[in-house]
PDB file of N, CA and C in Angstrom:
ATOM      1  N   MET A   1       0.844  -1.182   0.000  1.00  0.00           N
ATOM      2  CA  MET A   1       0.000   0.000   0.000  1.00  0.00           C
ATOM      3  C   MET A   1       0.885   1.239   0.000  1.00  0.00           C
ATOM      4  N   LEU A   2       0.505   2.212  -0.764  1.00  0.00           N
ATOM      5  CA  LEU A   2       1.262   3.453  -0.846  1.00  0.00           C
ATOM      6  C   LEU A   2       1.012   4.344   0.356  1.00  0.00           C
ATOM      7  N   ASN A   3       2.010   5.119   0.694  1.00  0.00           N
ATOM      8  CA  ASN A   3       1.855   6.136   1.725  1.00  0.00           C
ATOM      9  C   ASN A   3       1.514   7.437   1.013  1.00  0.00           C
ATOM     10  N   PRO A   4       0.293   7.935   1.145  1.00  0.00           N
ATOM     11  CA  PRO A   4      -0.093   9.154   0.441  1.00  0.00           C
ATOM     12  C   PRO A   4       0.814  10.333   0.789  1.00  0.00           C
ATOM     13  N   ASN A   5       1.104  11.134  -0.188  1.00  0.00           N
ATOM     14  CA  ASN A   5       1.882  12.369  -0.048  1.00  0.00           C
ATOM     15  C   ASN A   5       3.329  12.149   0.370  1.00  0.00           C
ATOM     16  N   VAL A   6       3.827  10.931   0.235  1.00  0.00           N
ATOM     17  CA  VAL A   6       5.226  10.621   0.503  1.00  0.00           C
ATOM     18  C   VAL A   6       5.864  10.301  -0.843  1.00  0.00           C
ATOM     19  N   PRO A   7       7.022  10.885  -1.143  1.00  0.00           N
ATOM     20  CA  PRO A   7       7.648  10.576  -2.434  1.00  0.00           C
ATOM     21  C   PRO A   7       7.791   9.061  -2.624  1.00  0.00           C
ATOM     22  N   ALA A   8       7.397   8.583  -3.786  1.00  0.00           N
ATOM     23  CA  ALA A   8       7.418   7.154  -4.068  1.00  0.00           C
ATOM     24  C   ALA A   8       8.745   6.702  -4.664  1.00  0.00           C
ATOM     25  N   TRP A   9       9.512   7.631  -5.215  1.00  0.00           N
ATOM     26  CA  TRP A   9      10.750   7.274  -5.918  1.00  0.00           C
ATOM     27  C   TRP A   9      11.579   8.532  -6.068  1.00  0.00           C
ATOM     28  N   PHE A  10      12.886   8.395  -6.032  1.00  0.00           N
ATOM     29  CA  PHE A  10      13.749   9.535  -6.330  1.00  0.00           C
ATOM     30  C   PHE A  10      14.846   9.096  -7.280  1.00  0.00           C
ATOM     31  N   GLU A  11      15.400  10.053  -8.010  1.00  0.00           N
ATOM     32  CA  GLU A  11      16.508   9.794  -8.918  1.00  0.00           C
ATOM     33  C   GLU A  11      17.598  10.822  -8.676  1.00  0.00           C
ATOM     34  N   ILE A  12      18.824  10.333  -8.531  1.00  0.00           N
ATOM     35  CA  ILE A  12      19.985  11.195  -8.348  1.00  0.00           C
ATOM     36  C   ILE A  12      20.777  11.159  -9.649  1.00  0.00           C
ATOM     37  N   PRO A  13      20.915  12.304 -10.335  1.00  0.00           N
ATOM     38  CA  PRO A  13      21.606  12.333 -11.625  1.00  0.00           C
ATOM     39  C   PRO A  13      23.098  12.040 -11.497  1.00  0.00           C
ATOM     40  N   THR A  14      23.643  11.353 -12.501  1.00  0.00           N
ATOM     41  CA  THR A  14      25.075  11.082 -12.541  1.00  0.00           C
ATOM     42  C   THR A  14      25.615  11.323 -13.946  1.00  0.00           C
ATOM     43  N   GLU A  15      26.884  11.660 -14.017  1.00  0.00           N
ATOM     44  CA  GLU A  15      27.572  11.711 -15.306  1.00  0.00           C
ATOM     45  C   GLU A  15      28.320  10.408 -15.548  1.00  0.00           C
ATOM     46  N   ASN A  16      28.728   9.740 -14.466  1.00  0.00           N
ATOM     47  CA  ASN A  16      29.470   8.485 -14.553  1.00  0.00           C
ATOM     48  C   ASN A  16      28.847   7.517 -13.553  1.00  0.00           C
ATOM     49  N   LEU A  17      28.012   6.629 -14.043  1.00  0.00           N
ATOM     50  CA  LEU A  17      27.253   5.738 -13.164  1.00  0.00           C
ATOM     51  C   LEU A  17      28.160   4.805 -12.367  1.00  0.00           C
ATOM     52  N   ASP A  18      29.230   4.294 -12.983  1.00  0.00           N
ATOM     53  CA  ASP A  18      30.147   3.407 -12.258  1.00  0.00           C
ATOM     54  C   ASP A  18      30.789   4.123 -11.075  1.00  0.00           C
ATOM     55  N   ARG A  19      31.264   5.343 -11.314  1.00  0.00           N
ATOM     56  CA  ARG A  19      31.905   6.131 -10.248  1.00  0.00           C
ATOM     57  C   ARG A  19      30.902   6.437  -9.134  1.00  0.00           C
ATOM     58  N   ALA A  20      29.702   6.875  -9.527  1.00  0.00           N
ATOM     59  CA  ALA A  20      28.678   7.222  -8.540  1.00  0.00           C
ATOM     60  C   ALA A  20      28.240   5.998  -7.739  1.00  0.00           C
ATOM     61  N   GLN A  21      28.089   4.854  -8.403  1.00  0.00           N
ATOM     62  CA  GLN A  21      27.696   3.639  -7.692  1.00  0.00           C
ATOM     63  C   GLN A  21      28.750   3.259  -6.661  1.00  0.00           C
ATOM     64  N   LYS A  22      30.011   3.307  -7.036  1.00  0.00           N
ATOM     65  CA  LYS A  22      31.087   2.979  -6.091  1.00  0.00           C
ATOM     66  C   LYS A  22      31.070   3.949  -4.903  1.00  0.00           C
ATOM     67  N   PHE A  23      30.882   5.256  -5.176  1.00  0.00           N
ATOM     68  CA  PHE A  23      30.829   6.269  -4.122  1.00  0.00           C
ATOM     69  C   PHE A  23      29.699   5.961  -3.133  1.00  0.00           C
ATOM     70  N   TYR A  24      28.476   5.763  -3.630  1.00  0.00           N
ATOM     71  CA  TYR A  24      27.331   5.542  -2.748  1.00  0.00           C
ATOM     72  C   TYR A  24      27.412   4.205  -2.019  1.00  0.00           C
ATOM     73  N   GLU A  25      27.923   3.169  -2.670  1.00  0.00           N
ATOM     74  CA  GLU A  25      28.090   1.895  -1.971  1.00  0.00           C
ATOM     75  C   GLU A  25      29.081   2.033  -0.820  1.00  0.00           C
ATOM     76  N   THR A  26      30.130   2.810  -1.026  1.00  0.00           N
ATOM     77  CA  THR A  26      31.127   3.026   0.023  1.00  0.00           C
ATOM     78  C   THR A  26      30.573   3.912   1.134  1.00  0.00           C
ATOM     79  N   VAL A  27      29.967   5.023   0.763  1.00  0.00           N
ATOM     80  CA  VAL A  27      29.468   5.992   1.742  1.00  0.00           C
ATOM     81  C   VAL A  27      28.323   5.415   2.579  1.00  0.00           C
ATOM     82  N   LEU A  28      27.386   4.742   1.937  1.00  0.00           N
ATOM     83  CA  LEU A  28      26.231   4.205   2.655  1.00  0.00           C
ATOM     84  C   LEU A  28      26.476   2.796   3.197  1.00  0.00           C
ATOM     85  N   ALA A  29      27.614   2.209   2.853  1.00  0.00           N
ATOM     86  CA  ALA A  29      27.990   0.866   3.317  1.00  0.00           C
ATOM     87  C   ALA A  29      26.915  -0.168   2.999  1.00  0.00           C
ATOM     88  N   GLN A  30      26.402  -0.097   1.773  1.00  0.00           N
ATOM     89  CA  GLN A  30      25.426  -1.086   1.315  1.00  0.00           C
ATOM     90  C   GLN A  30      25.515  -1.195  -0.201  1.00  0.00           C
ATOM     91  N   PRO A  31      25.256  -2.385  -0.742  1.00  0.00           N
ATOM     92  CA  PRO A  31      25.325  -2.542  -2.193  1.00  0.00           C
ATOM     93  C   PRO A  31      24.127  -1.898  -2.883  1.00  0.00           C
ATOM     94  N   LEU A  32      24.349  -1.407  -4.077  1.00  0.00           N
ATOM     95  CA  LEU A  32      23.278  -0.927  -4.933  1.00  0.00           C
ATOM     96  C   LEU A  32      23.028  -2.001  -5.981  1.00  0.00           C
ATOM     97  N   VAL A  33      21.826  -2.053  -6.504  1.00  0.00           N
ATOM     98  CA  VAL A  33      21.457  -3.065  -7.482  1.00  0.00           C
ATOM     99  C   VAL A  33      21.454  -2.436  -8.869  1.00  0.00           C
ATOM    100  N   ARG A  34      22.336  -2.918  -9.738  1.00  0.00           N
ATOM    101  CA  ARG A  34      22.427  -2.407 -11.108  1.00  0.00           C
ATOM    102  C   ARG A  34      21.344  -3.078 -11.942  1.00  0.00           C
ATOM    103  N   GLN A  35      20.645  -2.280 -12.751  1.00  0.00           N
ATOM    104  CA  GLN A  35      19.539  -2.798 -13.538  1.00  0.00           C
ATOM    105  C   GLN A  35      19.391  -1.966 -14.799  1.00  0.00           C
ATOM    106  N   ASN A  36      18.919  -2.595 -15.867  1.00  0.00           N
ATOM    107  CA  ASN A  36      18.585  -1.857 -17.077  1.00  0.00           C
ATOM    108  C   ASN A  36      17.090  -1.613 -17.039  1.00  0.00           C
ATOM    109  N   PHE A  37      16.720  -0.344 -17.081  1.00  0.00           N
ATOM    110  CA  PHE A  37      15.313   0.028 -16.993  1.00  0.00           C
ATOM    111  C   PHE A  37      14.980   0.914 -18.185  1.00  0.00           C
ATOM    112  N   ALA A  38      14.079   0.466 -19.019  1.00  0.00           N
ATOM    113  CA  ALA A  38      13.645   1.216 -20.199  1.00  0.00           C
ATOM    114  C   ALA A  38      14.828   1.652 -21.062  1.00  0.00           C
ATOM    115  N   GLY A  39      15.810   0.763 -21.204  1.00  0.00           N
ATOM    116  CA  GLY A  39      16.951   1.048 -22.063  1.00  0.00           C
ATOM    117  C   GLY A  39      18.078   1.827 -21.424  1.00  0.00           C
ATOM    118  N   SER A  40      17.963   2.149 -20.149  1.00  0.00           N
ATOM    119  CA  SER A  40      19.011   2.898 -19.452  1.00  0.00           C
ATOM    120  C   SER A  40      19.486   2.115 -18.236  1.00  0.00           C
ATOM    121  N   ASP A  41      20.793   2.144 -17.992  1.00  0.00           N
ATOM    122  CA  ASP A  41      21.329   1.534 -16.780  1.00  0.00           C
ATOM    123  C   ASP A  41      21.057   2.447 -15.595  1.00  0.00           C
ATOM    124  N   ILE A  42      20.630   1.855 -14.488  1.00  0.00           N
ATOM    125  CA  ILE A  42      20.423   2.583 -13.241  1.00  0.00           C
ATOM    126  C   ILE A  42      21.033   1.758 -12.111  1.00  0.00           C
ATOM    127  N   ALA A  43      21.297   2.388 -10.983  1.00  0.00           N
ATOM    128  CA  ALA A  43      21.774   1.695  -9.789  1.00  0.00           C
ATOM    129  C   ALA A  43      20.801   2.029  -8.659  1.00  0.00           C
ATOM    130  N   ILE A  44      20.094   1.028  -8.188  1.00  0.00           N
ATOM    131  CA  ILE A  44      18.998   1.227  -7.236  1.00  0.00           C
ATOM    132  C   ILE A  44      19.504   1.214  -5.801  1.00  0.00           C
ATOM    133  N   LEU A  45      19.087   2.239  -5.034  1.00  0.00           N
ATOM    134  CA  LEU A  45      19.322   2.307  -3.594  1.00  0.00           C
ATOM    135  C   LEU A  45      18.111   1.666  -2.937  1.00  0.00           C
ATOM    136  N   ARG A  46      18.323   0.565  -2.285  1.00  0.00           N
ATOM    137  CA  ARG A  46      17.220  -0.166  -1.661  1.00  0.00           C
ATOM    138  C   ARG A  46      16.753   0.529  -0.391  1.00  0.00           C
ATOM    139  N   GLY A  47      15.445   0.562  -0.204  1.00  0.00           N
ATOM    140  CA  GLY A  47      14.880   1.147   0.995  1.00  0.00           C
ATOM    141  C   GLY A  47      14.343   0.107   1.945  1.00  0.00           C
ATOM    142  N   GLY A  48      14.832  -1.108   1.852  1.00  0.00           N
ATOM    143  CA  GLY A  48      14.306  -2.170   2.701  1.00  0.00           C
ATOM    144  C   GLY A  48      12.976  -2.652   2.163  1.00  0.00           C
ATOM    145  N   ASP A  49      12.115  -3.108   3.053  1.00  0.00           N
ATOM    146  CA  ASP A  49      10.827  -3.645   2.622  1.00  0.00           C
ATOM    147  C   ASP A  49       9.701  -2.623   2.753  1.00  0.00           C
ATOM    148  N   LYS A  50      10.065  -1.378   3.011  1.00  0.00           N
ATOM    149  CA  LYS A  50       9.048  -0.345   3.177  1.00  0.00           C
ATOM    150  C   LYS A  50       8.666   0.244   1.820  1.00  0.00           C
ATOM    151  N   PRO A  51       7.365   0.407   1.558  1.00  0.00           N
ATOM    152  CA  PRO A  51       6.965   1.028   0.299  1.00  0.00           C
ATOM    153  C   PRO A  51       7.392   2.498   0.271  1.00  0.00           C
ATOM    154  N   ASN A  52       7.566   3.021  -0.919  1.00  0.00           N
ATOM    155  CA  ASN A  52       7.903   4.440  -1.110  1.00  0.00           C
ATOM    156  C   ASN A  52       9.230   4.805  -0.480  1.00  0.00           C
ATOM    157  N   SER A  53      10.195   3.915  -0.517  1.00  0.00           N
ATOM    158  CA  SER A  53      11.427   4.258   0.178  1.00  0.00           C
ATOM    159  C   SER A  53      12.674   3.876  -0.609  1.00  0.00           C
ATOM    160  N   SER A  54      12.627   4.051  -1.912  1.00  0.00           N
ATOM    161  CA  SER A  54      13.827   3.764  -2.676  1.00  0.00           C
ATOM    162  C   SER A  54      13.932   4.696  -3.872  1.00  0.00           C
ATOM    163  N   GLY A  55      15.093   4.649  -4.487  1.00  0.00           N
ATOM    164  CA  GLY A  55      15.354   5.468  -5.650  1.00  0.00           C
ATOM    165  C   GLY A  55      16.568   4.923  -6.363  1.00  0.00           C
ATOM    166  N   ALA A  56      17.119   5.719  -7.286  1.00  0.00           N
ATOM    167  CA  ALA A  56      18.227   5.207  -8.082  1.00  0.00           C
ATOM    168  C   ALA A  56      19.160   6.312  -8.536  1.00  0.00           C
ATOM    169  N   LEU A  57      20.382   5.904  -8.824  1.00  0.00           N
ATOM    170  CA  LEU A  57      21.326   6.747  -9.537  1.00  0.00           C
ATOM    171  C   LEU A  57      21.009   6.559 -11.011  1.00  0.00           C
ATOM    172  N   VAL A  58      20.938   7.649 -11.758  1.00  0.00           N
ATOM    173  CA  VAL A  58      20.541   7.576 -13.163  1.00  0.00           C
ATOM    174  C   VAL A  58      21.471   8.409 -14.038  1.00  0.00           C
ATOM    175  N   THR A  59      21.479   8.098 -15.318  1.00  0.00           N
ATOM    176  CA  THR A  59      22.191   8.896 -16.314  1.00  0.00           C
ATOM    177  C   THR A  59      21.196   9.283 -17.395  1.00  0.00           C
ATOM    178  N   GLY A  60      21.612  10.120 -18.307  1.00  0.00           N
ATOM    179  CA  GLY A  60      20.736  10.495 -19.414  1.00  0.00           C
ATOM    180  C   GLY A  60      20.621  11.993 -19.535  1.00  0.00           C
ATOM    181  N   GLU A  61      19.404  12.458 -19.710  1.00  0.00           N
ATOM    182  CA  GLU A  61      19.167  13.883 -19.919  1.00  0.00           C
ATOM    183  C   GLU A  61      19.186  14.691 -18.630  1.00  0.00           C
ATOM    184  N   VAL A  62      19.357  14.044 -17.507  1.00  0.00           N
ATOM    185  CA  VAL A  62      19.435  14.738 -16.221  1.00  0.00           C
ATOM    186  C   VAL A  62      20.863  15.193 -15.980  1.00  0.00           C
ATOM    187  N   GLN A  63      21.012  16.210 -15.134  1.00  0.00           N
ATOM    188  CA  GLN A  63      22.340  16.770 -14.896  1.00  0.00           C
ATOM    189  C   GLN A  63      22.561  16.982 -13.399  1.00  0.00           C
ATOM    190  N   PRO A  64      23.704  16.511 -12.866  1.00  0.00           N
ATOM    191  CA  PRO A  64      24.001  16.735 -11.454  1.00  0.00           C
ATOM    192  C   PRO A  64      24.072  18.231 -11.123  1.00  0.00           C
ATOM    193  N   THR A  65      23.592  18.604  -9.926  1.00  0.00           N
ATOM    194  CA  THR A  65      23.630  20.004  -9.502  1.00  0.00           C
ATOM    195  C   THR A  65      23.470  20.109  -7.988  1.00  0.00           C
ATOM    196  N   VAL A  66      23.965  21.208  -7.425  1.00  0.00           N
ATOM    197  CA  VAL A  66      23.702  21.491  -6.010  1.00  0.00           C
ATOM    198  C   VAL A  66      22.501  22.421  -5.876  1.00  0.00           C
ATOM    199  N   HIS A  67      21.940  22.848  -7.003  1.00  0.00           N
ATOM    200  CA  HIS A  67      20.786  23.750  -7.018  1.00  0.00           C
ATOM    201  C   HIS A  67      19.533  22.939  -7.339  1.00  0.00           C
ATOM    202  N   GLY A  68      18.519  23.039  -6.532  1.00  0.00           N
ATOM    203  CA  GLY A  68      17.287  22.318  -6.808  1.00  0.00           C
ATOM    204  C   GLY A  68      16.854  21.479  -5.621  1.00  0.00           C
ATOM    205  N   SER A  69      16.030  20.497  -5.894  1.00  0.00           N
ATOM    206  CA  SER A  69      15.494  19.627  -4.842  1.00  0.00           C
ATOM    207  C   SER A  69      16.610  18.868  -4.141  1.00  0.00           C
ATOM    208  N   ILE A  70      16.397  18.574  -2.867  1.00  0.00           N
ATOM    209  CA  ILE A  70      17.375  17.817  -2.082  1.00  0.00           C
ATOM    210  C   ILE A  70      16.708  16.540  -1.586  1.00  0.00           C
ATOM    211  N   VAL A  71      17.313  15.421  -1.905  1.00  0.00           N
ATOM    212  CA  VAL A  71      16.859  14.125  -1.415  1.00  0.00           C
ATOM    213  C   VAL A  71      17.568  13.860  -0.092  1.00  0.00           C
ATOM    214  N   TYR A  72      16.825  13.449   0.935  1.00  0.00           N
ATOM    215  CA  TYR A  72      17.418  13.084   2.227  1.00  0.00           C
ATOM    216  C   TYR A  72      17.350  11.573   2.392  1.00  0.00           C
ATOM    217  N   ILE A  73      18.489  10.981   2.698  1.00  0.00           N
ATOM    218  CA  ILE A  73      18.595   9.539   2.891  1.00  0.00           C
ATOM    219  C   ILE A  73      18.748   9.273   4.387  1.00  0.00           C
ATOM    220  N   GLY A  74      17.942   8.372   4.923  1.00  0.00           N
ATOM    221  CA  GLY A  74      18.013   8.036   6.343  1.00  0.00           C
ATOM    222  C   GLY A  74      19.182   7.115   6.641  1.00  0.00           C
ATOM    223  N   VAL A  75      19.916   7.422   7.691  1.00  0.00           N
ATOM    224  CA  VAL A  75      21.043   6.597   8.145  1.00  0.00           C
ATOM    225  C   VAL A  75      20.959   6.466   9.665  1.00  0.00           C
ATOM    226  N   ASP A  76      21.652   5.477  10.209  1.00  0.00           N
ATOM    227  CA  ASP A  76      21.634   5.279  11.662  1.00  0.00           C
ATOM    228  C   ASP A  76      22.453   6.325  12.405  1.00  0.00           C
ATOM    229  N   ASN A  77      23.572   6.748  11.814  1.00  0.00           N
ATOM    230  CA  ASN A  77      24.501   7.660  12.480  1.00  0.00           C
ATOM    231  C   ASN A  77      25.179   8.523  11.424  1.00  0.00           C
ATOM    232  N   LEU A  78      25.065   9.825  11.525  1.00  0.00           N
ATOM    233  CA  LEU A  78      25.621  10.731  10.519  1.00  0.00           C
ATOM    234  C   LEU A  78      27.143  10.742  10.482  1.00  0.00           C
ATOM    235  N   ALA A  79      27.798  10.646  11.630  1.00  0.00           N
ATOM    236  CA  ALA A  79      29.254  10.837  11.695  1.00  0.00           C
ATOM    237  C   ALA A  79      30.041   9.905  10.780  1.00  0.00           C
ATOM    238  N   PRO A  80      29.841   8.584  10.826  1.00  0.00           N
ATOM    239  CA  PRO A  80      30.645   7.735   9.949  1.00  0.00           C
ATOM    240  C   PRO A  80      30.322   7.926   8.469  1.00  0.00           C
ATOM    241  N   VAL A  81      29.077   8.246   8.172  1.00  0.00           N
ATOM    242  CA  VAL A  81      28.698   8.466   6.770  1.00  0.00           C
ATOM    243  C   VAL A  81      29.385   9.718   6.232  1.00  0.00           C
ATOM    244  N   LEU A  82      29.344  10.815   6.992  1.00  0.00           N
ATOM    245  CA  LEU A  82      30.009  12.047   6.552  1.00  0.00           C
ATOM    246  C   LEU A  82      31.518  11.860   6.452  1.00  0.00           C
ATOM    247  N   ASP A  83      32.081  11.055   7.336  1.00  0.00           N
ATOM    248  CA  ASP A  83      33.512  10.757   7.267  1.00  0.00           C
ATOM    249  C   ASP A  83      33.841  10.049   5.953  1.00  0.00           C
ATOM    250  N   ARG A  84      33.014   9.084   5.563  1.00  0.00           N
ATOM    251  CA  ARG A  84      33.242   8.375   4.299  1.00  0.00           C
ATOM    252  C   ARG A  84      33.011   9.289   3.104  1.00  0.00           C
ATOM    253  N   VAL A  85      32.045  10.202   3.193  1.00  0.00           N
ATOM    254  CA  VAL A  85      31.827  11.181   2.120  1.00  0.00           C
ATOM    255  C   VAL A  85      33.116  11.943   1.857  1.00  0.00           C
ATOM    256  N   ASP A  86      33.695  12.495   2.917  1.00  0.00           N
ATOM    257  CA  ASP A  86      34.895  13.325   2.779  1.00  0.00           C
ATOM    258  C   ASP A  86      36.110  12.529   2.307  1.00  0.00           C
ATOM    259  N   LYS A  87      36.168  11.256   2.639  1.00  0.00           N
ATOM    260  CA  LYS A  87      37.317  10.424   2.257  1.00  0.00           C
ATOM    261  C   LYS A  87      37.212   9.840   0.852  1.00  0.00           C
ATOM    262  N   HIS A  88      36.013   9.889   0.256  1.00  0.00           N
ATOM    263  CA  HIS A  88      35.811   9.201  -1.017  1.00  0.00           C
ATOM    264  C   HIS A  88      35.290  10.104  -2.131  1.00  0.00           C
ATOM    265  N   GLY A  89      35.695  11.362  -2.126  1.00  0.00           N
ATOM    266  CA  GLY A  89      35.398  12.232  -3.257  1.00  0.00           C
ATOM    267  C   GLY A  89      34.232  13.173  -3.104  1.00  0.00           C
ATOM    268  N   GLY A  90      33.615  13.216  -1.936  1.00  0.00           N
ATOM    269  CA  GLY A  90      32.534  14.164  -1.692  1.00  0.00           C
ATOM    270  C   GLY A  90      32.982  15.242  -0.729  1.00  0.00           C
ATOM    271  N   ASP A  91      32.094  16.187  -0.436  1.00  0.00           N
ATOM    272  CA  ASP A  91      32.375  17.281   0.497  1.00  0.00           C
ATOM    273  C   ASP A  91      31.178  17.479   1.411  1.00  0.00           C
ATOM    274  N   THR A  92      31.421  17.618   2.705  1.00  0.00           N
ATOM    275  CA  THR A  92      30.350  17.972   3.630  1.00  0.00           C
ATOM    276  C   THR A  92      29.997  19.438   3.410  1.00  0.00           C
ATOM    277  N   LEU A  93      28.738  19.714   3.115  1.00  0.00           N
ATOM    278  CA  LEU A  93      28.270  21.088   2.907  1.00  0.00           C
ATOM    279  C   LEU A  93      27.631  21.656   4.165  1.00  0.00           C
ATOM    280  N   LEU A  94      26.945  20.814   4.916  1.00  0.00           N
ATOM    281  CA  LEU A  94      26.298  21.214   6.165  1.00  0.00           C
ATOM    282  C   LEU A  94      26.565  20.109   7.177  1.00  0.00           C
ATOM    283  N   PRO A  95      27.291  20.400   8.257  1.00  0.00           N
ATOM    284  CA  PRO A  95      27.588  19.356   9.239  1.00  0.00           C
ATOM    285  C   PRO A  95      26.328  18.942  10.004  1.00  0.00           C
ATOM    286  N   ARG A  96      26.453  17.933  10.817  1.00  0.00           N
ATOM    287  CA  ARG A  96      25.350  17.429  11.645  1.00  0.00           C
ATOM    288  C   ARG A  96      24.695  18.598  12.374  1.00  0.00           C
ATOM    289  N   THR A  97      23.393  18.739  12.174  1.00  0.00           N
ATOM    290  CA  THR A  97      22.635  19.852  12.732  1.00  0.00           C
ATOM    291  C   THR A  97      21.373  19.302  13.388  1.00  0.00           C
ATOM    292  N   ALA A  98      21.085  19.752  14.599  1.00  0.00           N
ATOM    293  CA  ALA A  98      19.899  19.277  15.318  1.00  0.00           C
ATOM    294  C   ALA A  98      18.635  19.889  14.733  1.00  0.00           C
ATOM    295  N   LEU A  99      17.610  19.073  14.624  1.00  0.00           N
ATOM    296  CA  LEU A  99      16.279  19.539  14.257  1.00  0.00           C
ATOM    297  C   LEU A  99      15.521  19.846  15.544  1.00  0.00           C
ATOM    298  N   PRO A 100      14.460  20.649  15.486  1.00  0.00           N
ATOM    299  CA  PRO A 100      13.729  20.996  16.705  1.00  0.00           C
ATOM    300  C   PRO A 100      12.940  19.820  17.278  1.00  0.00           C
ATOM    301  N   ALA A 101      12.632  19.935  18.546  1.00  0.00           N
ATOM    302  CA  ALA A 101      11.713  19.035  19.256  1.00  0.00           C
ATOM    303  C   ALA A 101      12.064  17.558  19.134  1.00  0.00           C
ATOM    304  N   GLY A 102      13.348  17.231  19.195  1.00  0.00           N
ATOM    305  CA  GLY A 102      13.749  15.832  19.166  1.00  0.00           C
ATOM    306  C   GLY A 102      13.465  15.106  17.867  1.00  0.00           C
ATOM    307  N   MET A 103      13.424  15.836  16.759  1.00  0.00           N
ATOM    308  CA  MET A 103      13.126  15.228  15.458  1.00  0.00           C
ATOM    309  C   MET A 103      14.347  14.585  14.812  1.00  0.00           C
ATOM    310  N   GLY A 104      15.484  14.620  15.474  1.00  0.00           N
ATOM    311  CA  GLY A 104      16.681  14.003  14.923  1.00  0.00           C
ATOM    312  C   GLY A 104      17.687  15.033  14.456  1.00  0.00           C
ATOM    313  N   TYR A 105      18.535  14.604  13.528  1.00  0.00           N
ATOM    314  CA  TYR A 105      19.630  15.438  13.024  1.00  0.00           C
ATOM    315  C   TYR A 105      19.712  15.305  11.512  1.00  0.00           C
ATOM    316  N   TYR A 106      20.247  16.335  10.883  1.00  0.00           N
ATOM    317  CA  TYR A 106      20.438  16.252   9.441  1.00  0.00           C
ATOM    318  C   TYR A 106      21.766  16.859   9.053  1.00  0.00           C
ATOM    319  N   ALA A 107      22.194  16.549   7.842  1.00  0.00           N
ATOM    320  CA  ALA A 107      23.433  17.078   7.271  1.00  0.00           C
ATOM    321  C   ALA A 107      23.264  17.057   5.758  1.00  0.00           C
ATOM    322  N   GLN A 108      24.151  17.751   5.064  1.00  0.00           N
ATOM    323  CA  GLN A 108      24.133  17.741   3.604  1.00  0.00           C
ATOM    324  C   GLN A 108      25.549  17.588   3.082  1.00  0.00           C
ATOM    325  N   PHE A 109      25.674  16.935   1.932  1.00  0.00           N
ATOM    326  CA  PHE A 109      26.974  16.782   1.290  1.00  0.00           C
ATOM    327  C   PHE A 109      26.844  16.934  -0.220  1.00  0.00           C
ATOM    328  N   ARG A 110      27.971  17.198  -0.865  1.00  0.00           N
ATOM    329  CA  ARG A 110      28.047  17.190  -2.326  1.00  0.00           C
ATOM    330  C   ARG A 110      28.671  15.850  -2.696  1.00  0.00           C
ATOM    331  N   ASP A 111      28.002  15.084  -3.558  1.00  0.00           N
ATOM    332  CA  ASP A 111      28.526  13.774  -3.928  1.00  0.00           C
ATOM    333  C   ASP A 111      29.602  13.890  -5.004  1.00  0.00           C
ATOM    334  N   CYS A 112      30.141  12.767  -5.431  1.00  0.00           N
ATOM    335  CA  CYS A 112      31.223  12.751  -6.417  1.00  0.00           C
ATOM    336  C   CYS A 112      30.779  13.251  -7.781  1.00  0.00           C
ATOM    337  N   GLU A 113      29.473  13.374  -8.004  1.00  0.00           N
ATOM    338  CA  GLU A 113      28.944  13.858  -9.276  1.00  0.00           C
ATOM    339  C   GLU A 113      28.587  15.337  -9.237  1.00  0.00           C
ATOM    340  N   GLY A 114      28.573  15.933  -8.047  1.00  0.00           N
ATOM    341  CA  GLY A 114      28.231  17.349  -7.908  1.00  0.00           C
ATOM    342  C   GLY A 114      26.830  17.621  -7.399  1.00  0.00           C
ATOM    343  N   ASN A 115      26.090  16.596  -6.967  1.00  0.00           N
ATOM    344  CA  ASN A 115      24.742  16.765  -6.419  1.00  0.00           C
ATOM    345  C   ASN A 115      24.791  17.107  -4.940  1.00  0.00           C
ATOM    346  N   ARG A 116      23.851  17.942  -4.495  1.00  0.00           N
ATOM    347  CA  ARG A 116      23.637  18.170  -3.064  1.00  0.00           C
ATOM    348  C   ARG A 116      22.666  17.094  -2.590  1.00  0.00           C
ATOM    349  N   VAL A 117      23.080  16.338  -1.579  1.00  0.00           N
ATOM    350  CA  VAL A 117      22.265  15.253  -1.035  1.00  0.00           C
ATOM    351  C   VAL A 117      22.208  15.431   0.475  1.00  0.00           C
ATOM    352  N   GLY A 118      21.051  15.151   1.060  1.00  0.00           N
ATOM    353  CA  GLY A 118      20.889  15.272   2.497  1.00  0.00           C
ATOM    354  C   GLY A 118      20.909  13.923   3.186  1.00  0.00           C
ATOM    355  N   LEU A 119      21.226  13.964   4.467  1.00  0.00           N
ATOM    356  CA  LEU A 119      21.172  12.785   5.329  1.00  0.00           C
ATOM    357  C   LEU A 119      20.317  13.125   6.539  1.00  0.00           C
ATOM    358  N   TRP A 120      19.592  12.152   7.056  1.00  0.00           N
ATOM    359  CA  TRP A 120      18.822  12.335   8.281  1.00  0.00           C
ATOM    360  C   TRP A 120      19.095  11.155   9.194  1.00  0.00           C
ATOM    361  N   SER A 121      19.194  11.435  10.494  1.00  0.00           N
ATOM    362  CA  SER A 121      19.417  10.397  11.492  1.00  0.00           C
ATOM    363  C   SER A 121      18.582  10.699  12.728  1.00  0.00           C
ATOM    364  N   PRO A 122      18.040   9.668  13.376  1.00  0.00           N
ATOM    365  CA  PRO A 122      17.262   9.905  14.587  1.00  0.00           C
ATOM    366  C   PRO A 122      18.130  10.271  15.788  1.00  0.00           C
ATOM    367  N   VAL A 123      19.430   9.932  15.747  1.00  0.00           N
ATOM    368  CA  VAL A 123      20.334  10.236  16.871  1.00  0.00           C
ATOM    369  C   VAL A 123      21.554  11.000  16.404  1.00  0.00           C
TER     370      VAL A 123
END
């Protein structure tokens, strides 16, 4: 069943899918699933068994940018993820920042392709 008003899918643009897949697999410490979809190769970020919780790295007519929508990926702990970002070709743009009323923490980074991506953690 779908969760109304929750994004069902996201796509992160890449110029080099192999490079981006290696970056995200290292940073998120999980494998991505490579697949050909409608004639294009994509690398899927699995969201577990929850509906509306996955997306993919894509190539094509899309272009990486730090300007525009920001996708936030949930992680258990921001510190090790941001450390891997900085060590593997990305840059921390916004360090771990507390959200109000115990809503957790967030951060933002620029990936190896030039996209601004967010992270969220409950602790």
